Protein backbone atom coordinates (compact mmCIF):
# COMPACT_ATOMS: atom_id res chain seq x y z
CA MET A 1 0.00 0.00 0.00
CA LEU A 2 2.83 2.40 0.75
CA ARG A 3 4.67 1.50 -2.41
CA GLU A 4 1.94 2.14 -4.96
CA SER A 5 -0.44 4.71 -3.58
CA ASP A 6 -0.65 8.35 -2.71
CA ALA A 7 -1.73 7.70 0.85
CA PRO A 8 -1.97 10.89 2.90
CA PRO A 9 0.47 11.34 5.78
CA ALA A 10 -2.11 10.30 8.41
CA ILE A 11 -2.70 6.96 6.65
CA ARG A 12 1.02 6.42 6.21
CA ALA A 13 1.57 7.11 9.90
CA ALA A 14 -1.21 4.66 10.85
CA LEU A 15 0.34 1.95 8.67
CA TYR A 16 3.73 2.68 10.19
CA ARG A 17 2.28 2.22 13.69
CA ALA A 18 0.54 -0.99 12.57
CA VAL A 19 3.87 -2.44 11.43
CA ALA A 20 5.07 -2.14 15.03
CA LEU A 21 2.28 -4.50 16.12
CA ILE A 22 3.37 -7.36 13.84
CA PRO A 23 5.07 -10.09 15.90
CA HIS A 24 8.88 -10.24 15.63
CA VAL A 25 9.23 -6.96 13.70
CA GLN A 26 12.39 -5.21 14.80
CA LEU A 27 13.19 -1.52 14.76
CA LEU A 28 16.68 -1.15 13.31
CA GLY A 29 17.07 2.59 13.82
CA MET A 30 18.46 4.91 11.17
CA ARG A 31 19.77 3.18 8.06
CA THR A 32 21.03 4.24 4.64
CA ASP A 33 19.82 2.31 1.59
CA PRO A 34 22.12 1.45 -1.35
CA ALA A 35 20.94 4.63 -3.15
CA GLY A 36 22.12 6.81 -0.26
CA GLN A 37 18.74 7.66 1.30
CA THR A 38 18.65 7.58 5.10
CA GLY A 39 15.56 6.75 7.09
CA LEU A 40 14.12 4.73 9.92
CA ALA A 41 14.31 1.00 9.18
CA VAL A 42 12.21 -1.93 10.35
CA ASP A 43 12.97 -5.59 9.75
CA PHE A 44 10.80 -8.67 9.33
CA PRO A 45 13.47 -11.21 10.34
CA TYR A 46 13.91 -14.90 9.64
CA PRO A 47 13.26 -17.19 12.62
CA SER A 48 17.05 -17.27 13.04
CA GLY A 49 16.95 -13.52 13.73
CA LYS A 50 18.85 -12.62 10.55
CA PRO A 51 17.35 -9.82 8.43
CA GLN A 52 14.81 -10.92 5.84
CA SER A 53 12.85 -7.90 4.62
CA VAL A 54 13.88 -4.39 5.63
CA LEU A 55 11.70 -1.35 4.95
CA ILE A 56 13.24 2.12 5.21
CA PHE A 57 10.95 5.08 5.90
CA ASP A 58 11.48 8.83 5.87
CA GLN A 59 11.19 9.65 9.56
CA ARG A 60 9.39 12.95 8.94
CA THR A 61 6.91 12.05 6.18
CA VAL A 62 6.71 8.27 6.74
CA LYS A 63 7.25 7.87 2.98
CA LEU A 64 8.68 4.50 1.97
CA LEU A 65 12.23 5.22 0.79
CA GLY A 66 13.48 1.73 0.09
CA GLU A 67 13.27 -2.00 0.57
CA GLU A 68 15.98 -4.60 1.06
CA ASP A 69 15.59 -8.38 0.97
CA TYR A 70 18.13 -10.81 2.38
CA GLY A 71 18.72 -14.52 1.89
CA SER A 72 18.72 -16.90 4.84
CA ASP A 73 22.53 -16.60 4.81
CA GLY A 74 22.23 -12.88 5.55
CA ALA A 75 23.40 -11.73 2.10
CA LEU A 76 21.56 -8.87 0.40
CA THR A 77 19.64 -10.40 -2.53
CA TYR A 78 17.48 -7.53 -3.73
CA TRP A 79 16.94 -3.85 -3.08
CA THR A 80 14.70 -1.10 -4.34
CA ALA A 81 14.97 2.64 -3.76
CA TYR A 82 12.04 4.96 -4.33
CA LEU A 83 13.69 8.17 -5.48
CA ARG A 84 10.73 10.08 -6.88
CA SER A 85 7.00 9.64 -7.18
CA LYS A 86 4.14 11.77 -8.43
CA ILE A 87 0.53 11.63 -9.48
CA VAL A 88 0.02 11.82 -13.25
CA SER A 89 -3.06 12.29 -15.40
CA LYS A 90 -1.84 9.87 -18.07
CA LEU A 91 0.91 7.33 -18.68
CA PRO A 92 4.15 8.54 -20.24
CA HIS A 93 4.47 7.79 -23.98
CA TYR A 94 7.29 5.28 -23.45
CA LEU A 95 4.94 3.09 -21.37
CA LEU A 96 2.33 3.16 -24.11
CA SER A 97 4.70 2.38 -26.97
CA ARG A 98 4.78 -1.22 -28.24
CA ASP A 99 8.16 -0.80 -29.99
C-alpha cells in the first residue's frame, strides 16, 4: 500500500504504527539504503533472527524510501529505492509504446 499509492500522511503514519504490532518486527534505527537515502528501518526477520525484509521510511513524512531483501545466509539479494513519485493524469508515452 505504501509503495503504490498516494496515501496521505495520516494513513502512512497509521500503517507505520501498525507495522510495530506485527510479531517479531524489529526496529533497526536509522539506516542508509544502497541509493544513499537515510531513514528509519524496520525488519521482518527470519526465525534465526537474521534480516529478511527491511523497509526504510522517511522519519518525517513516513514515505517509503526503500526496501531490502536478504537470503537466509544474511546476504543482500534484492533492493529497491524509491527516489521520486508523483501523481500523473496519463501514462508517459514510453509506457504506451509497443516498440
